């Protein structure tokens, strides 16, 4: 199983450790991940024009079995990716830190929504997703 991880990321990589932790947790549950910041842009080593990055992201989304939207921090790109995945009939799974706002529109296209306090709390959820 392969999942596209849609998550807000920053040029200064301040949430790189969180992206890596979520990816490791998914992979330990048997779910291969692809993430634009890590896999397409190589943590900032490669910079694409926005339209090229979105085309490359869409290509990756198309070959995934599901999309994991991490919405602890909102971003326009996350919404675009989620909408594209939904239009392609790819199941959308949304996660966010406890207390964060998840829009009703994203809830409406998500197959599942869950919150967490620490990334480690997601292990049983990810294991269930893989089965």
Protein backbone atom coordinates (compact mmCIF):
# COMPACT_ATOMS: atom_id res chain seq x y z
CA UNK A 1 0.00 0.00 0.00
CA UNK A 2 1.22 3.47 -0.86
CA UNK A 3 0.11 6.76 0.71
CA UNK A 4 0.66 10.33 -0.39
CA UNK A 5 1.38 12.47 2.66
CA UNK A 6 -0.10 15.96 2.25
CA UNK A 7 1.34 18.18 4.96
CA UNK A 8 2.32 21.82 5.31
CA UNK A 9 6.06 22.19 5.09
CA UNK A 10 8.38 25.13 5.39
CA UNK A 11 11.51 26.22 3.55
CA UNK A 12 13.39 26.28 6.86
CA UNK A 13 12.34 22.63 7.42
CA UNK A 14 11.07 23.35 10.93
CA UNK A 15 8.62 20.43 10.70
CA UNK A 16 10.94 17.99 8.94
CA UNK A 17 11.24 15.81 12.04
CA UNK A 18 7.44 15.57 12.21
CA UNK A 19 7.20 14.60 8.53
CA UNK A 20 9.89 11.98 9.04
CA UNK A 21 8.23 10.63 12.20
CA UNK A 22 4.83 10.28 10.52
CA UNK A 23 6.47 8.61 7.51
CA UNK A 24 8.38 6.17 9.74
CA UNK A 25 5.20 5.35 11.64
CA UNK A 26 3.32 4.66 8.40
CA UNK A 27 6.17 2.59 7.01
CA UNK A 28 6.38 0.53 10.20
CA UNK A 29 2.69 -0.29 9.62
CA UNK A 30 3.52 -1.44 6.09
CA UNK A 31 2.43 1.70 4.23
CA UNK A 32 4.98 3.16 1.80
CA UNK A 33 4.90 6.96 1.71
CA UNK A 34 5.56 9.71 -0.77
CA UNK A 35 5.84 13.33 0.33
CA UNK A 36 6.52 16.28 -1.97
CA UNK A 37 8.96 18.02 0.40
CA UNK A 38 11.03 14.90 0.93
CA UNK A 39 10.72 13.00 -2.34
CA UNK A 40 10.15 15.63 -5.01
CA UNK A 41 12.02 18.62 -3.63
CA UNK A 42 14.64 16.63 -1.69
CA UNK A 43 14.24 18.85 1.40
CA UNK A 44 14.87 22.03 -0.57
CA UNK A 45 17.73 20.84 -2.76
CA UNK A 46 15.43 21.03 -5.80
CA UNK A 47 13.05 23.90 -6.36
CA UNK A 48 10.27 23.67 -8.90
CA UNK A 49 8.03 26.40 -10.22
CA UNK A 50 4.67 26.03 -8.45
CA UNK A 51 2.89 24.69 -11.54
CA UNK A 52 5.56 22.03 -12.08
CA UNK A 53 5.51 21.01 -8.42
CA UNK A 54 1.73 20.62 -8.53
CA UNK A 55 1.89 18.54 -11.73
CA UNK A 56 4.52 16.28 -10.14
CA UNK A 57 2.47 16.05 -6.95
CA UNK A 58 -0.66 15.14 -8.93
CA UNK A 59 1.28 12.39 -10.73
CA UNK A 60 2.34 10.95 -7.37
CA UNK A 61 -1.20 11.17 -5.98
CA UNK A 62 -2.54 9.25 -8.98
CA UNK A 63 -0.44 6.17 -8.18
CA UNK A 64 -1.25 6.07 -4.46
CA UNK A 65 -3.80 3.87 -2.72
CA UNK A 66 -4.71 6.56 -0.23
CA UNK A 67 -3.94 10.11 0.76
CA UNK A 68 -3.03 11.03 4.32
CA UNK A 69 -3.78 14.68 5.00
CA UNK A 70 -2.04 16.03 8.10
CA UNK A 71 -3.92 19.22 8.90
CA UNK A 72 -2.39 20.43 12.15
CA UNK A 73 -1.28 23.43 10.12
CA UNK A 74 -3.39 24.53 7.19
CA UNK A 75 -2.04 25.30 3.75
CA UNK A 76 -3.57 26.06 0.38
CA UNK A 77 -1.49 23.32 -1.26
CA UNK A 78 -2.91 20.73 1.12
CA UNK A 79 -6.43 21.66 0.09
CA UNK A 80 -5.55 21.49 -3.60
CA UNK A 81 -3.93 18.07 -3.14
CA UNK A 82 -6.86 16.75 -1.10
CA UNK A 83 -9.37 18.01 -3.67
CA UNK A 84 -7.39 16.40 -6.47
CA UNK A 85 -7.17 13.10 -4.61
CA UNK A 86 -10.90 13.17 -3.94
CA UNK A 87 -11.65 13.91 -7.60
CA UNK A 88 -9.49 10.89 -8.51
CA UNK A 89 -11.51 8.79 -6.03
CA UNK A 90 -8.50 8.16 -3.80
CA UNK A 91 -9.53 7.65 -0.15
CA UNK A 92 -8.64 10.67 1.99
CA UNK A 93 -7.58 10.02 5.59
CA UNK A 94 -7.23 13.16 7.69
CA UNK A 95 -5.20 13.48 10.87
CA UNK A 96 -4.49 16.52 13.02
CA UNK A 97 -3.17 17.30 16.45
CA UNK A 98 -5.85 17.41 19.12
CA UNK A 99 -7.64 20.75 19.24
CA UNK A 100 -6.79 21.82 15.70
CA UNK A 101 -9.54 22.93 13.35
CA UNK A 102 -10.45 20.55 10.55
CA UNK A 103 -12.76 22.21 8.04
CA UNK A 104 -16.16 20.74 7.37
CA UNK A 105 -15.31 20.50 3.67
CA UNK A 106 -12.26 18.35 4.38
CA UNK A 107 -14.28 16.24 6.81
CA UNK A 108 -16.83 15.84 4.03
CA UNK A 109 -14.34 14.26 1.61
CA UNK A 110 -12.44 12.23 4.22
CA UNK A 111 -13.05 8.53 4.69
CA UNK A 112 -11.67 8.80 8.22
CA UNK A 113 -10.63 11.61 10.54
CA UNK A 114 -8.60 11.21 13.72
CA UNK A 115 -6.70 13.42 16.11
CA UNK A 116 -3.57 12.77 18.12
CA UNK A 117 -1.43 14.27 20.84
CA UNK A 118 1.91 12.71 19.82
CA UNK A 119 2.86 11.02 16.55
CA UNK A 120 3.38 7.79 18.49
CA UNK A 121 -0.35 7.82 19.30
CA UNK A 122 -1.03 7.16 15.61
CA UNK A 123 0.57 3.71 15.55
CA UNK A 124 -2.65 1.71 16.17
CA UNK A 125 -4.54 3.89 13.70
CA UNK A 126 -1.91 3.37 10.98
CA UNK A 127 -1.77 -0.37 11.68
CA UNK A 128 -5.55 -0.54 11.27
CA UNK A 129 -5.28 1.41 7.99
CA UNK A 130 -2.79 -1.11 6.62
CA UNK A 131 -5.11 -4.06 7.31
